[in-house]
Amino acid sequence: MMMMMTSMRPTADKVTGRAAAYVAIFLVYVSLSTLHSANAWRNDRRPKFFGDKVPVKMLNPVHQSTQKKIVMYHNFFRSRVHPPAADMLAMTWHGEAARDAQRWADQCQFLIHDNVTGRWVDDFGSCGQNIFVSTHQVPWMFATKTWFLEKHNFTYGSPQNNLFEVGHYTQMVWAATHKVGCGFTKCPYRPDKRSRTTKRSGGRSSIKHPKYFYNYVCNYCPIGNYMERLGRPYKKGPSCGRCKGSCKLRKLCTNSCSYADLWVNCRELNTTWNQWLCHNNSKEGLDRKKHCRATCECTGKIYTQLGRIKA
């Protein structure tokens, strides 16, 4: 089994030393496109062999039933973080993010993230992205659980968390991220020259690469994984402690903001020049407000502001 990772922001992954021995059997977990430390992978990440028993139509997010399952899986894991989250928003499906994710999945760029422009959506700007690949058709539950299992590499509140090892997990449980859209496709496997063969004792290895891989891509809006808050993707405390009156199933908050600030200094501008930023109806004033719409319109709601999650 070979595992790798992808996180919302283009980053790079590390491949375990034992990955090569399993690649012909089951290629699963992909982060960005580089190497990963051996102790980052645990035995509980080894998948059961599903073969191709899962019909493609059950994996294609164009179907509403698949969309609902993907959202349900994300909310299931978001409601089970430890320590508990006081401000974890419930996720819902986002059509534009899904179209972007599907477009990128169809590109079949193995272990590579889309650029920020390709992940840009109205109201939220550039969204985050997680990627998972497998040599077999596995359920979306397995893909999302694999991302979530990075929790074993994560320490809440620590400044030492490594984005390459926890980035899928932190994007998945970023409190202010509340929209998800995913894509799925079957891709021909085209290894680069370095990975096609491995010399061993004067000969070549007998490892066979798969002819195809299955590409699972999810985009997350608004984006998370701000480095200054990577160790605190949510605020710990009693579930829904920061959204009383706006709580779903006593676990997830529902007071989300429909926008994201596109400027990094919206908070400072609002503190000093609130009228100029949020209440000026001139052409220039409306343009300023558009770039700081969360700050101007989402008082009392949960949103990310320059790495700070505000509620």
C-alpha atoms as a PDB file:
ATOM      1  CA  MET A   1       0.000   0.000   0.000  1.00  0.00           C
ATOM      2  CA  MET A   2       1.266   3.398  -0.865  1.00  0.00           C
ATOM      3  CA  MET A   3      -0.023   6.444   0.921  1.00  0.00           C
ATOM      4  CA  MET A   4       0.369  10.129   0.243  1.00  0.00           C
ATOM      5  CA  MET A   5      -1.458  13.308   1.097  1.00  0.00           C
ATOM      6  CA  THR A   6      -2.854  16.480  -0.318  1.00  0.00           C
ATOM      7  CA  SER A   7      -3.965  19.518   1.535  1.00  0.00           C
ATOM      8  CA  MET A   8      -6.111  22.462   0.718  1.00  0.00           C
ATOM      9  CA  ARG A   9      -3.172  24.565  -0.245  1.00  0.00           C
ATOM     10  CA  PRO A  10      -0.663  23.311  -2.757  1.00  0.00           C
ATOM     11  CA  THR A  11       1.940  21.576  -0.647  1.00  0.00           C
ATOM     12  CA  ALA A  12       4.100  18.514  -0.964  1.00  0.00           C
ATOM     13  CA  ASP A  13       3.916  14.991   0.414  1.00  0.00           C
ATOM     14  CA  LYS A  14       6.244  12.373   1.660  1.00  0.00           C
ATOM     15  CA  VAL A  15       6.098   8.751   0.755  1.00  0.00           C
ATOM     16  CA  THR A  16       6.843   6.071   3.284  1.00  0.00           C
ATOM     17  CA  GLY A  17       9.671   3.684   2.671  1.00  0.00           C
ATOM     18  CA  ARG A  18       7.369   0.715   2.758  1.00  0.00           C
ATOM     19  CA  ALA A  19       5.042   2.253   0.189  1.00  0.00           C
ATOM     20  CA  ALA A  20       6.779   0.682  -2.783  1.00  0.00           C
ATOM     21  CA  ALA A  21       6.057  -2.834  -1.578  1.00  0.00           C
ATOM     22  CA  TYR A  22       2.350  -2.227  -1.645  1.00  0.00           C
ATOM     23  CA  VAL A  23       1.863   0.030  -4.656  1.00  0.00           C
ATOM     24  CA  ALA A  24       0.855  -2.769  -7.017  1.00  0.00           C
ATOM     25  CA  ILE A  25      -1.829  -3.920  -4.616  1.00  0.00           C
ATOM     26  CA  PHE A  26      -3.437  -0.740  -3.465  1.00  0.00           C
ATOM     27  CA  LEU A  27      -2.544   2.873  -3.985  1.00  0.00           C
ATOM     28  CA  VAL A  28      -4.490   5.060  -1.681  1.00  0.00           C
ATOM     29  CA  TYR A  29      -3.812   8.266   0.004  1.00  0.00           C
ATOM     30  CA  VAL A  30      -2.510  11.310  -1.725  1.00  0.00           C
ATOM     31  CA  SER A  31      -1.478  14.663  -0.460  1.00  0.00           C
ATOM     32  CA  LEU A  32       0.521  16.959  -2.593  1.00  0.00           C
ATOM     33  CA  SER A  33       3.373  15.554  -4.434  1.00  0.00           C
ATOM     34  CA  THR A  34       6.387  14.707  -2.312  1.00  0.00           C
ATOM     35  CA  LEU A  35       7.705  12.568   0.473  1.00  0.00           C
ATOM     36  CA  HIS A  36       6.324  11.708   3.864  1.00  0.00           C
ATOM     37  CA  SER A  37       7.993  10.505   7.053  1.00  0.00           C
ATOM     38  CA  ALA A  38       7.600   6.835   7.904  1.00  0.00           C
ATOM     39  CA  ASN A  39       6.113   7.426  11.318  1.00  0.00           C
ATOM     40  CA  ALA A  40       3.310   9.474   9.774  1.00  0.00           C
ATOM     41  CA  TRP A  41       1.562   6.320   8.601  1.00  0.00           C
ATOM     42  CA  ARG A  42      -0.113   3.938  10.952  1.00  0.00           C
ATOM     43  CA  ASN A  43      -1.307   0.385  10.609  1.00  0.00           C
ATOM     44  CA  ASP A  44      -4.919   1.502  10.957  1.00  0.00           C
ATOM     45  CA  ARG A  45      -4.583   3.253   7.610  1.00  0.00           C
ATOM     46  CA  ARG A  46      -4.241   0.023   5.717  1.00  0.00           C
ATOM     47  CA  PRO A  47      -7.416  -0.383   3.675  1.00  0.00           C
ATOM     48  CA  LYS A  48      -9.540  -3.411   3.264  1.00  0.00           C
ATOM     49  CA  PHE A  49      -9.471  -4.677  -0.290  1.00  0.00           C
ATOM     50  CA  PHE A  50     -12.603  -3.399  -1.964  1.00  0.00           C
ATOM     51  CA  GLY A  51     -11.677  -4.307  -5.532  1.00  0.00           C
ATOM     52  CA  ASP A  52     -13.939  -2.611  -8.053  1.00  0.00           C
ATOM     53  CA  LYS A  53     -17.156  -3.632  -6.353  1.00  0.00           C
ATOM     54  CA  VAL A  54     -18.275  -0.053  -5.753  1.00  0.00           C
ATOM     55  CA  PRO A  55     -20.125   1.070  -8.903  1.00  0.00           C
ATOM     56  CA  VAL A  56     -18.802   4.262 -10.454  1.00  0.00           C
ATOM     57  CA  LYS A  57     -22.268   5.786 -10.380  1.00  0.00           C
ATOM     58  CA  MET A  58     -22.176   5.557  -6.580  1.00  0.00           C
ATOM     59  CA  LEU A  59     -18.926   7.540  -6.516  1.00  0.00           C
ATOM     60  CA  ASN A  60     -19.806  10.228  -9.049  1.00  0.00           C
ATOM     61  CA  PRO A  61     -20.713  13.441  -7.171  1.00  0.00           C
ATOM     62  CA  VAL A  62     -23.014  14.527  -9.985  1.00  0.00           C
ATOM     63  CA  HIS A  63     -25.653  12.437  -8.219  1.00  0.00           C
ATOM     64  CA  GLN A  64     -27.399  14.083  -5.280  1.00  0.00           C
ATOM     65  CA  SER A  65     -27.278  10.866  -3.279  1.00  0.00           C
ATOM     66  CA  THR A  66     -23.471  10.903  -3.510  1.00  0.00           C
ATOM     67  CA  GLN A  67     -23.346  14.592  -2.620  1.00  0.00           C
ATOM     68  CA  LYS A  68     -25.415  13.945   0.491  1.00  0.00           C
ATOM     69  CA  LYS A  69     -23.127  11.110   1.557  1.00  0.00           C
ATOM     70  CA  ILE A  70     -19.990  13.208   1.105  1.00  0.00           C
ATOM     71  CA  VAL A  71     -21.496  16.031   3.175  1.00  0.00           C
ATOM     72  CA  MET A  72     -22.669  13.550   5.805  1.00  0.00           C
ATOM     73  CA  TYR A  73     -19.201  11.990   6.103  1.00  0.00           C
ATOM     74  CA  HIS A  74     -17.567  15.389   6.525  1.00  0.00           C
ATOM     75  CA  ASN A  75     -20.040  16.473   9.185  1.00  0.00           C
ATOM     76  CA  PHE A  76     -19.693  13.132  10.958  1.00  0.00           C
ATOM     77  CA  PHE A  77     -15.940  13.611  11.347  1.00  0.00           C
ATOM     78  CA  ARG A  78     -16.179  17.345  12.063  1.00  0.00           C
ATOM     79  CA  SER A  79     -18.465  16.578  14.995  1.00  0.00           C
ATOM     80  CA  ARG A  80     -15.929  14.141  16.448  1.00  0.00           C
ATOM     81  CA  VAL A  81     -12.785  16.191  16.827  1.00  0.00           C
ATOM     82  CA  HIS A  82     -10.806  16.088  20.065  1.00  0.00           C
ATOM     83  CA  PRO A  83     -10.726  18.291  21.978  1.00  0.00           C
ATOM     84  CA  PRO A  84     -14.349  19.176  21.166  1.00  0.00           C
ATOM     85  CA  ALA A  85     -15.020  22.251  19.030  1.00  0.00           C
ATOM     86  CA  ALA A  86     -17.100  25.162  20.266  1.00  0.00           C
ATOM     87  CA  ASP A  87     -17.462  26.757  16.826  1.00  0.00           C
ATOM     88  CA  MET A  88     -17.453  23.952  14.234  1.00  0.00           C
ATOM     89  CA  LEU A  89     -19.792  24.838  11.370  1.00  0.00           C
ATOM     90  CA  ALA A  90     -21.959  22.252   9.645  1.00  0.00           C
ATOM     91  CA  MET A  91     -20.986  21.716   6.018  1.00  0.00           C
ATOM     92  CA  THR A  92     -23.273  21.887   2.983  1.00  0.00           C
ATOM     93  CA  TRP A  93     -22.696  21.204  -0.716  1.00  0.00           C
ATOM     94  CA  HIS A  94     -21.408  23.935  -3.033  1.00  0.00           C
ATOM     95  CA  GLY A  95     -22.081  23.505  -6.749  1.00  0.00           C
ATOM     96  CA  GLU A  96     -19.406  25.877  -8.028  1.00  0.00           C
ATOM     97  CA  ALA A  97     -16.736  24.316  -5.822  1.00  0.00           C
ATOM     98  CA  ALA A  98     -17.840  20.880  -7.062  1.00  0.00           C
ATOM     99  CA  ARG A  99     -17.531  21.937 -10.702  1.00  0.00           C
ATOM    100  CA  ASP A 100     -14.010  23.212 -10.054  1.00  0.00           C
ATOM    101  CA  ALA A 101     -13.098  19.992  -8.233  1.00  0.00           C
ATOM    102  CA  GLN A 102     -14.488  17.857 -11.063  1.00  0.00           C
ATOM    103  CA  ARG A 103     -12.670  19.902 -13.696  1.00  0.00           C
ATOM    104  CA  TRP A 104      -9.405  19.374 -11.843  1.00  0.00           C
ATOM    105  CA  ALA A 105     -10.053  15.675 -11.202  1.00  0.00           C
ATOM    106  CA  ASP A 106     -10.578  15.242 -14.945  1.00  0.00           C
ATOM    107  CA  GLN A 107      -7.115  16.693 -15.593  1.00  0.00           C
ATOM    108  CA  CYS A 108      -5.637  13.553 -13.986  1.00  0.00           C
ATOM    109  CA  GLN A 109      -2.663  15.441 -12.576  1.00  0.00           C
ATOM    110  CA  PHE A 110      -1.314  12.791 -10.237  1.00  0.00           C
ATOM    111  CA  LEU A 111      -0.458  14.227  -6.797  1.00  0.00           C
ATOM    112  CA  ILE A 112      -0.715  17.819  -7.986  1.00  0.00           C
ATOM    113  CA  HIS A 113      -3.106  20.517  -6.743  1.00  0.00           C
ATOM    114  CA  ASP A 114      -5.004  23.007  -8.840  1.00  0.00           C
ATOM    115  CA  ASN A 115      -3.761  26.590  -8.644  1.00  0.00           C
ATOM    116  CA  VAL A 116      -5.532  29.276  -6.623  1.00  0.00           C
ATOM    117  CA  THR A 117      -7.245  30.685  -9.716  1.00  0.00           C
ATOM    118  CA  GLY A 118      -8.716  27.309 -10.572  1.00  0.00           C
ATOM    119  CA  ARG A 119     -10.170  27.048  -7.057  1.00  0.00           C
ATOM    120  CA  TRP A 120     -11.659  30.538  -7.034  1.00  0.00           C
ATOM    121  CA  VAL A 121     -15.415  30.873  -6.450  1.00  0.00           C
ATOM    122  CA  ASP A 122     -17.649  33.892  -6.104  1.00  0.00           C
ATOM    123  CA  ASP A 123     -18.106  35.200  -2.553  1.00  0.00           C
ATOM    124  CA  PHE A 124     -15.347  33.032  -1.034  1.00  0.00           C
ATOM    125  CA  GLY A 125     -12.301  33.596  -3.219  1.00  0.00           C
ATOM    126  CA  SER A 126      -9.815  30.728  -3.524  1.00  0.00           C
ATOM    127  CA  CYS A 127     -10.983  27.539  -1.810  1.00  0.00           C
ATOM    128  CA  GLY A 128      -8.964  24.766  -0.190  1.00  0.00           C
ATOM    129  CA  GLN A 129      -8.411  21.347  -1.720  1.00  0.00           C
ATOM    130  CA  ASN A 130      -7.858  17.752  -0.582  1.00  0.00           C
ATOM    131  CA  ILE A 131      -6.937  14.941  -2.972  1.00  0.00           C
ATOM    132  CA  PHE A 132      -7.104  11.174  -2.589  1.00  0.00           C
ATOM    133  CA  VAL A 133      -6.136   8.567  -5.193  1.00  0.00           C
ATOM    134  CA  SER A 134      -6.634   4.831  -5.288  1.00  0.00           C
ATOM    135  CA  THR A 135      -5.961   1.999  -7.696  1.00  0.00           C
ATOM    136  CA  HIS A 136      -9.436   0.711  -6.882  1.00  0.00           C
ATOM    137  CA  GLN A 137     -12.909   2.178  -6.580  1.00  0.00           C
ATOM    138  CA  VAL A 138     -13.294   2.732  -2.861  1.00  0.00           C
ATOM    139  CA  PRO A 139     -16.185   4.490  -1.102  1.00  0.00           C
ATOM    140  CA  TRP A 140     -16.005   8.202  -0.355  1.00  0.00           C
ATOM    141  CA  MET A 141     -16.197   7.226   3.296  1.00  0.00           C
ATOM    142  CA  PHE A 142     -12.752   5.677   2.989  1.00  0.00           C
ATOM    143  CA  ALA A 143     -11.311   8.786   1.323  1.00  0.00           C
ATOM    144  CA  THR A 144     -12.671  11.137   3.985  1.00  0.00           C
ATOM    145  CA  LYS A 145     -11.654   8.844   6.828  1.00  0.00           C
ATOM    146  CA  THR A 146      -8.127   8.661   5.441  1.00  0.00           C
ATOM    147  CA  TRP A 147      -7.904  12.458   5.559  1.00  0.00           C
ATOM    148  CA  PHE A 148      -9.360  12.485   9.059  1.00  0.00           C
ATOM    149  CA  LEU A 149      -6.828   9.934  10.323  1.00  0.00           C
ATOM    150  CA  GLU A 150      -4.148  12.584  10.091  1.00  0.00           C
ATOM    151  CA  LYS A 151      -5.467  13.554  13.507  1.00  0.00           C
ATOM    152  CA  HIS A 152      -2.912  11.054  14.843  1.00  0.00           C
ATOM    153  CA  ASN A 153      -0.157  13.393  13.612  1.00  0.00           C
ATOM    154  CA  PHE A 154      -1.862  16.507  14.993  1.00  0.00           C
ATOM    155  CA  THR A 155      -1.513  18.156  18.392  1.00  0.00           C
ATOM    156  CA  TYR A 156      -4.071  20.820  19.195  1.00  0.00           C
ATOM    157  CA  GLY A 157      -2.463  24.139  20.074  1.00  0.00           C
ATOM    158  CA  SER A 158       1.045  23.093  19.099  1.00  0.00           C
ATOM    159  CA  PRO A 159       3.124  25.386  16.867  1.00  0.00           C
ATOM    160  CA  GLN A 160       5.026  22.307  15.670  1.00  0.00           C
ATOM    161  CA  ASN A 161       2.302  20.748  13.508  1.00  0.00           C
ATOM    162  CA  ASN A 162       3.586  19.930  10.023  1.00  0.00           C
ATOM    163  CA  LEU A 163       1.252  20.981   7.207  1.00  0.00           C
ATOM    164  CA  PHE A 164       2.530  18.100   5.089  1.00  0.00           C
ATOM    165  CA  GLU A 165       1.405  15.632   7.754  1.00  0.00           C
ATOM    166  CA  VAL A 166      -1.835  17.197   9.012  1.00  0.00           C
ATOM    167  CA  GLY A 167      -3.013  19.472   6.190  1.00  0.00           C
ATOM    168  CA  HIS A 168      -5.855  17.245   5.010  1.00  0.00           C
ATOM    169  CA  TYR A 169      -7.139  16.878   8.544  1.00  0.00           C
ATOM    170  CA  THR A 170      -6.910  20.571   9.429  1.00  0.00           C
ATOM    171  CA  GLN A 171      -8.655  21.648   6.222  1.00  0.00           C
ATOM    172  CA  MET A 172     -11.353  19.074   6.807  1.00  0.00           C
ATOM    173  CA  VAL A 173     -12.001  20.330  10.362  1.00  0.00           C
ATOM    174  CA  TRP A 174     -11.363  24.044   9.813  1.00  0.00           C
ATOM    175  CA  ALA A 175     -14.217  25.535  11.796  1.00  0.00           C
ATOM    176  CA  ALA A 176     -15.163  28.372   9.436  1.00  0.00           C
ATOM    177  CA  THR A 177     -15.080  26.195   6.316  1.00  0.00           C
ATOM    178  CA  HIS A 178     -18.689  25.254   5.647  1.00  0.00           C
ATOM    179  CA  LYS A 179     -18.939  24.449   1.925  1.00  0.00           C
ATOM    180  CA  VAL A 180     -17.606  21.369   0.161  1.00  0.00           C
ATOM    181  CA  GLY A 181     -17.749  20.284  -3.464  1.00  0.00           C
ATOM    182  CA  CYS A 182     -16.064  17.197  -4.896  1.00  0.00           C
ATOM    183  CA  GLY A 183     -15.153  15.499  -8.156  1.00  0.00           C
ATOM    184  CA  PHE A 184     -14.272  11.938  -9.160  1.00  0.00           C
ATOM    185  CA  THR A 185     -12.804  10.350 -12.277  1.00  0.00           C
ATOM    186  CA  LYS A 186     -10.839   7.367 -13.580  1.00  0.00           C
ATOM    187  CA  CYS A 187      -7.408   8.335 -14.895  1.00  0.00           C
ATOM    188  CA  PRO A 188      -4.697   6.613 -16.932  1.00  0.00           C
ATOM    189  CA  TYR A 189      -1.553   6.244 -14.845  1.00  0.00           C
ATOM    190  CA  ARG A 190       1.425   7.948 -16.497  1.00  0.00           C
ATOM    191  CA  PRO A 191       4.421   7.768 -14.145  1.00  0.00           C
ATOM    192  CA  ASP A 192       7.320  10.089 -14.784  1.00  0.00           C
ATOM    193  CA  LYS A 193      10.607   8.617 -15.909  1.00  0.00           C
ATOM    194  CA  ARG A 194      11.993   8.485 -12.378  1.00  0.00           C
ATOM    195  CA  SER A 195       9.143   6.323 -11.087  1.00  0.00           C
ATOM    196  CA  ARG A 196       8.676   3.958 -14.041  1.00  0.00           C
ATOM    197  CA  THR A 197      11.392   1.545 -12.983  1.00  0.00           C
ATOM    198  CA  THR A 198      13.660   1.060 -10.011  1.00  0.00           C
ATOM    199  CA  LYS A 199      17.117  -0.416 -10.439  1.00  0.00           C
ATOM    200  CA  ARG A 200      17.854  -3.214  -8.038  1.00  0.00           C
ATOM    201  CA  SER A 201      21.098  -5.220  -7.931  1.00  0.00           C
ATOM    202  CA  GLY A 202      22.009  -4.329 -11.475  1.00  0.00           C
ATOM    203  CA  GLY A 203      18.536  -5.109 -12.787  1.00  0.00           C
ATOM    204  CA  ARG A 204      15.133  -3.583 -12.693  1.00  0.00           C
ATOM    205  CA  SER A 205      12.457  -4.030 -10.068  1.00  0.00           C
ATOM    206  CA  SER A 206       9.482  -6.245 -10.757  1.00  0.00           C
ATOM    207  CA  ILE A 207       7.035  -3.705  -9.362  1.00  0.00           C
ATOM    208  CA  LYS A 208       4.148  -3.177 -11.747  1.00  0.00           C
ATOM    209  CA  HIS A 209       2.466   0.166 -11.826  1.00  0.00           C
ATOM    210  CA  PRO A 210      -1.307   0.281 -12.259  1.00  0.00           C
ATOM    211  CA  LYS A 211      -2.740   1.189 -15.637  1.00  0.00           C
ATOM    212  CA  TYR A 212      -5.332   3.425 -14.028  1.00  0.00           C
ATOM    213  CA  PHE A 213      -5.997   5.285 -10.817  1.00  0.00           C
ATOM    214  CA  TYR A 214      -9.143   6.828  -9.385  1.00  0.00           C
ATOM    215  CA  ASN A 215      -8.931  10.507  -8.566  1.00  0.00           C
ATOM    216  CA  TYR A 216     -10.983  11.917  -5.667  1.00  0.00           C
ATOM    217  CA  VAL A 217     -10.859  15.721  -5.270  1.00  0.00           C
ATOM    218  CA  CYS A 218     -12.704  17.923  -2.759  1.00  0.00           C
ATOM    219  CA  ASN A 219     -12.645  21.719  -2.647  1.00  0.00           C
ATOM    220  CA  TYR A 220     -13.424  23.554   0.603  1.00  0.00           C
ATOM    221  CA  CYS A 221     -14.825  27.071   0.969  1.00  0.00           C
ATOM    222  CA  PRO A 222     -13.847  29.351   2.473  1.00  0.00           C
ATOM    223  CA  ILE A 223     -10.238  28.217   2.571  1.00  0.00           C
ATOM    224  CA  GLY A 224      -8.566  27.136   5.810  1.00  0.00           C
ATOM    225  CA  ASN A 225      -5.053  26.087   6.828  1.00  0.00           C
ATOM    226  CA  TYR A 226      -3.803  29.559   7.677  1.00  0.00           C
ATOM    227  CA  MET A 227      -0.331  28.789   8.942  1.00  0.00           C
ATOM    228  CA  GLU A 228      -0.550  31.081  11.971  1.00  0.00           C
ATOM    229  CA  ARG A 229      -3.606  29.106  13.149  1.00  0.00           C
ATOM    230  CA  LEU A 230      -2.726  25.638  11.881  1.00  0.00           C
ATOM    231  CA  GLY A 231      -2.546  24.276  15.428  1.00  0.00           C
ATOM    232  CA  ARG A 232      -5.969  25.735  16.233  1.00  0.00           C
ATOM    233  CA  PRO A 233      -8.275  25.028  13.287  1.00  0.00           C
ATOM    234  CA  TYR A 234     -11.211  25.528  15.634  1.00  0.00           C
ATOM    235  CA  LYS A 235     -11.825  26.887  19.124  1.00  0.00           C
ATOM    236  CA  LYS A 236     -11.941  24.168  21.723  1.00  0.00           C
ATOM    237  CA  GLY A 237     -14.784  24.076  24.198  1.00  0.00           C
ATOM    238  CA  PRO A 238     -18.215  22.529  24.698  1.00  0.00           C
ATOM    239  CA  SER A 239     -19.819  21.642  21.375  1.00  0.00           C
ATOM    240  CA  CYS A 240     -21.735  24.637  19.981  1.00  0.00           C
ATOM    241  CA  GLY A 241     -20.476  26.710  22.905  1.00  0.00           C
ATOM    242  CA  ARG A 242     -19.947  29.692  20.594  1.00  0.00           C
ATOM    243  CA  CYS A 243     -23.152  29.371  18.599  1.00  0.00           C
ATOM    244  CA  LYS A 244     -25.888  28.859  21.153  1.00  0.00           C
ATOM    245  CA  GLY A 245     -29.239  29.054  19.425  1.00  0.00           C
ATOM    246  CA  SER A 246     -27.641  28.048  16.102  1.00  0.00           C
ATOM    247  CA  CYS A 247     -26.697  24.438  16.753  1.00  0.00           C
ATOM    248  CA  LYS A 248     -27.353  21.254  14.790  1.00  0.00           C
ATOM    249  CA  LEU A 249     -27.648  17.961  16.640  1.00  0.00           C
ATOM    250  CA  ARG A 250     -25.871  19.561  19.624  1.00  0.00           C
ATOM    251  CA  LYS A 251     -22.566  19.284  17.747  1.00  0.00           C
ATOM    252  CA  LEU A 252     -22.281  21.652  14.760  1.00  0.00           C
ATOM    253  CA  CYS A 253     -22.969  25.350  14.378  1.00  0.00           C
ATOM    254  CA  THR A 254     -25.252  26.714  11.670  1.00  0.00           C
ATOM    255  CA  ASN A 255     -24.508  30.452  11.900  1.00  0.00           C
ATOM    256  CA  SER A 256     -22.194  30.499   8.881  1.00  0.00           C
ATOM    257  CA  CYS A 257     -21.272  33.539   6.821  1.00  0.00           C
ATOM    258  CA  SER A 258     -22.070  33.457   3.101  1.00  0.00           C
ATOM    259  CA  TYR A 259     -18.926  35.416   2.242  1.00  0.00           C
ATOM    260  CA  ALA A 260     -15.215  35.545   2.961  1.00  0.00           C
ATOM    261  CA  ASP A 261     -12.988  38.587   3.334  1.00  0.00           C
ATOM    262  CA  LEU A 262     -10.716  38.944   0.319  1.00  0.00           C
ATOM    263  CA  TRP A 263      -8.454  41.566   1.881  1.00  0.00           C
ATOM    264  CA  VAL A 264      -6.147  40.630   4.742  1.00  0.00           C
ATOM    265  CA  ASN A 265      -6.684  43.878   6.672  1.00  0.00           C
ATOM    266  CA  CYS A 266     -10.490  44.095   6.689  1.00  0.00           C
ATOM    267  CA  ARG A 267     -10.618  43.949  10.475  1.00  0.00           C
ATOM    268  CA  GLU A 268      -8.226  46.867  10.890  1.00  0.00           C
ATOM    269  CA  LEU A 269      -9.995  48.905   8.213  1.00  0.00           C
ATOM    270  CA  ASN A 270     -13.358  48.291   9.852  1.00  0.00           C
ATOM    271  CA  THR A 271     -12.055  49.295  13.275  1.00  0.00           C
ATOM    272  CA  THR A 272     -10.617  52.561  12.010  1.00  0.00           C
ATOM    273  CA  TRP A 273     -12.870  53.499   9.093  1.00  0.00           C
ATOM    274  CA  ASN A 274     -16.116  51.547   9.453  1.00  0.00           C
ATOM    275  CA  GLN A 275     -18.238  54.084   7.570  1.00  0.00           C
ATOM    276  CA  TRP A 276     -15.722  54.323   4.729  1.00  0.00           C
ATOM    277  CA  LEU A 277     -15.440  50.530   4.424  1.00  0.00           C
ATOM    278  CA  CYS A 278     -18.946  49.227   5.022  1.00  0.00           C
ATOM    279  CA  HIS A 279     -21.407  52.091   4.597  1.00  0.00           C
ATOM    280  CA  ASN A 280     -20.285  54.069   1.568  1.00  0.00           C
ATOM    281  CA  ASN A 281     -22.609  53.631  -1.412  1.00  0.00           C
ATOM    282  CA  SER A 282     -20.320  55.185  -3.977  1.00  0.00           C
ATOM    283  CA  LYS A 283     -18.875  52.937  -6.690  1.00  0.00           C
ATOM    284  CA  GLU A 284     -15.546  52.826  -4.870  1.00  0.00           C
ATOM    285  CA  GLY A 285     -17.258  52.242  -1.532  1.00  0.00           C
ATOM    286  CA  LEU A 286     -19.269  49.284  -2.824  1.00  0.00           C
ATOM    287  CA  ASP A 287     -16.102  47.788  -4.278  1.00  0.00           C
ATOM    288  CA  ARG A 288     -14.329  48.086  -0.916  1.00  0.00           C
ATOM    289  CA  LYS A 289     -17.251  46.460   0.835  1.00  0.00           C
ATOM    290  CA  LYS A 290     -17.218  43.590  -1.673  1.00  0.00           C
ATOM    291  CA  HIS A 291     -13.664  42.773  -0.623  1.00  0.00           C
ATOM    292  CA  CYS A 292     -14.532  42.838   3.098  1.00  0.00           C
ATOM    293  CA  ARG A 293     -18.082  41.573   2.935  1.00  0.00           C
ATOM    294  CA  ALA A 294     -17.755  39.095   5.793  1.00  0.00           C
ATOM    295  CA  THR A 295     -16.505  41.810   8.140  1.00  0.00           C
ATOM    296  CA  CYS A 296     -19.244  44.193   7.020  1.00  0.00           C
ATOM    297  CA  GLU A 297     -22.207  41.811   6.930  1.00  0.00           C
ATOM    298  CA  CYS A 298     -21.523  38.821   9.178  1.00  0.00           C
ATOM    299  CA  THR A 299     -21.635  40.181  12.710  1.00  0.00           C
ATOM    300  CA  GLY A 300     -22.542  37.336  15.056  1.00  0.00           C
ATOM    301  CA  LYS A 301     -21.610  34.683  12.508  1.00  0.00           C
ATOM    302  CA  ILE A 302     -18.570  32.429  12.254  1.00  0.00           C
ATOM    303  CA  TYR A 303     -15.988  33.315   9.620  1.00  0.00           C
ATOM    304  CA  THR A 304     -12.228  33.313   9.159  1.00  0.00           C
ATOM    305  CA  GLN A 305     -10.475  36.666   9.244  1.00  0.00           C
ATOM    306  CA  LEU A 306      -6.769  36.749   8.417  1.00  0.00           C
ATOM    307  CA  GLY A 307      -6.204  33.407  10.089  1.00  0.00           C
ATOM    308  CA  ARG A 308      -8.415  34.341  13.028  1.00  0.00           C
ATOM    309  CA  ILE A 309     -11.718  32.513  13.378  1.00  0.00           C
ATOM    310  CA  LYS A 310     -14.280  35.050  14.509  1.00  0.00           C
ATOM    311  CA  ALA A 311     -17.613  34.229  16.108  1.00  0.00           C
END
